């Protein structure tokens, strides 16, 4: 969802996070990855303006950061 919100393709995110495109695909399928791998991908998405929202009763989610959060 975060990648789509940024209009990034799998290859671009993989390059930015220094992982393989297969790793991005595995993450998006919900497969378990090493925590450091997930952290690297999340850091890139956050740097690009995504904010991860914790579970608020409807499940976790993402949104674009507001200007005052950047």
C-alpha atoms as a PDB file:
ATOM      1  CA  UNK A   1       0.000   0.000   0.000  1.00  0.00           C
ATOM      2  CA  UNK A   2       2.803   2.415   0.880  1.00  0.00           C
ATOM      3  CA  UNK A   3       4.664   1.688  -2.348  1.00  0.00           C
ATOM      4  CA  UNK A   4       1.511   2.241  -4.384  1.00  0.00           C
ATOM      5  CA  UNK A   5       0.814   5.534  -2.597  1.00  0.00           C
ATOM      6  CA  UNK A   6       4.247   6.736  -3.702  1.00  0.00           C
ATOM      7  CA  UNK A   7       3.751   5.349  -7.220  1.00  0.00           C
ATOM      8  CA  UNK A   8       6.980   3.373  -6.881  1.00  0.00           C
ATOM      9  CA  UNK A   9       7.450   0.128  -8.722  1.00  0.00           C
ATOM     10  CA  UNK A  10       8.955  -2.933  -7.086  1.00  0.00           C
ATOM     11  CA  UNK A  11      12.322  -2.487  -8.782  1.00  0.00           C
ATOM     12  CA  UNK A  12      12.700   1.157  -7.704  1.00  0.00           C
ATOM     13  CA  UNK A  13      11.909   0.358  -4.069  1.00  0.00           C
ATOM     14  CA  UNK A  14      14.258  -2.621  -4.127  1.00  0.00           C
ATOM     15  CA  UNK A  15      17.107  -0.488  -5.456  1.00  0.00           C
ATOM     16  CA  UNK A  16      16.462   2.274  -2.909  1.00  0.00           C
ATOM     17  CA  UNK A  17      16.374  -0.210  -0.006  1.00  0.00           C
ATOM     18  CA  UNK A  18      19.328  -2.228  -1.358  1.00  0.00           C
ATOM     19  CA  UNK A  19      17.324  -5.468  -1.484  1.00  0.00           C
ATOM     20  CA  UNK A  20      16.211  -7.702  -4.331  1.00  0.00           C
ATOM     21  CA  UNK A  21      12.881  -7.214  -6.080  1.00  0.00           C
ATOM     22  CA  UNK A  22      11.981 -10.715  -4.865  1.00  0.00           C
ATOM     23  CA  UNK A  23      12.348  -9.451  -1.292  1.00  0.00           C
ATOM     24  CA  UNK A  24       9.828  -6.672  -1.940  1.00  0.00           C
ATOM     25  CA  UNK A  25       7.429  -9.203  -3.455  1.00  0.00           C
ATOM     26  CA  UNK A  26       7.846 -11.499  -0.443  1.00  0.00           C
ATOM     27  CA  UNK A  27       7.146  -8.601   1.926  1.00  0.00           C
ATOM     28  CA  UNK A  28       4.004  -7.650   0.023  1.00  0.00           C
ATOM     29  CA  UNK A  29       2.785 -11.261   0.177  1.00  0.00           C
ATOM     30  CA  UNK A  30       3.156 -11.150   3.958  1.00  0.00           C
ATOM     31  CA  UNK A  31       6.099 -13.506   4.182  1.00  0.00           C
ATOM     32  CA  UNK A  32       8.433 -13.179   7.143  1.00  0.00           C
ATOM     33  CA  UNK A  33      11.686 -11.306   6.499  1.00  0.00           C
ATOM     34  CA  UNK A  34      14.643 -10.425   8.668  1.00  0.00           C
ATOM     35  CA  UNK A  35      13.788  -7.439  10.892  1.00  0.00           C
ATOM     36  CA  UNK A  36      16.715  -5.418   9.500  1.00  0.00           C
ATOM     37  CA  UNK A  37      15.362  -5.935   5.976  1.00  0.00           C
ATOM     38  CA  UNK A  38      11.900  -4.706   6.943  1.00  0.00           C
ATOM     39  CA  UNK A  39      13.476  -1.734   8.750  1.00  0.00           C
ATOM     40  CA  UNK A  40      15.494  -0.789   5.643  1.00  0.00           C
ATOM     41  CA  UNK A  41      12.399  -0.874   3.436  1.00  0.00           C
ATOM     42  CA  UNK A  42      10.338   1.048   5.982  1.00  0.00           C
ATOM     43  CA  UNK A  43      13.054   3.711   6.305  1.00  0.00           C
ATOM     44  CA  UNK A  44      13.025   4.319   2.539  1.00  0.00           C
ATOM     45  CA  UNK A  45       9.237   4.609   2.477  1.00  0.00           C
ATOM     46  CA  UNK A  46       9.285   7.020   5.433  1.00  0.00           C
ATOM     47  CA  UNK A  47      12.012   9.100   3.767  1.00  0.00           C
ATOM     48  CA  UNK A  48       9.719   9.356   0.740  1.00  0.00           C
ATOM     49  CA  UNK A  49       6.861  10.729   2.853  1.00  0.00           C
ATOM     50  CA  UNK A  50       4.950   7.730   4.176  1.00  0.00           C
ATOM     51  CA  UNK A  51       3.795   7.538   7.792  1.00  0.00           C
ATOM     52  CA  UNK A  52       3.025   4.133   9.266  1.00  0.00           C
ATOM     53  CA  UNK A  53      -0.042   4.108  11.494  1.00  0.00           C
ATOM     54  CA  UNK A  54      -0.314   1.531  14.291  1.00  0.00           C
ATOM     55  CA  UNK A  55      -3.388  -0.611  14.787  1.00  0.00           C
ATOM     56  CA  UNK A  56      -6.251   1.657  15.820  1.00  0.00           C
ATOM     57  CA  UNK A  57      -8.992  -0.949  15.947  1.00  0.00           C
ATOM     58  CA  UNK A  58      -9.278  -1.199  12.166  1.00  0.00           C
ATOM     59  CA  UNK A  59      -5.772  -2.588  11.690  1.00  0.00           C
ATOM     60  CA  UNK A  60      -2.471  -0.906  10.876  1.00  0.00           C
ATOM     61  CA  UNK A  61      -2.170   1.377   7.871  1.00  0.00           C
ATOM     62  CA  UNK A  62      -0.195   4.047   6.061  1.00  0.00           C
ATOM     63  CA  UNK A  63      -0.756   7.597   4.894  1.00  0.00           C
ATOM     64  CA  UNK A  64       1.240  10.445   3.399  1.00  0.00           C
ATOM     65  CA  UNK A  65       2.991  12.555   6.024  1.00  0.00           C
ATOM     66  CA  UNK A  66       1.539  15.997   6.605  1.00  0.00           C
ATOM     67  CA  UNK A  67       3.809  18.981   5.846  1.00  0.00           C
ATOM     68  CA  UNK A  68       4.481  19.552   9.560  1.00  0.00           C
ATOM     69  CA  UNK A  69       5.636  15.919   9.962  1.00  0.00           C
ATOM     70  CA  UNK A  70       8.347  16.021   7.285  1.00  0.00           C
END
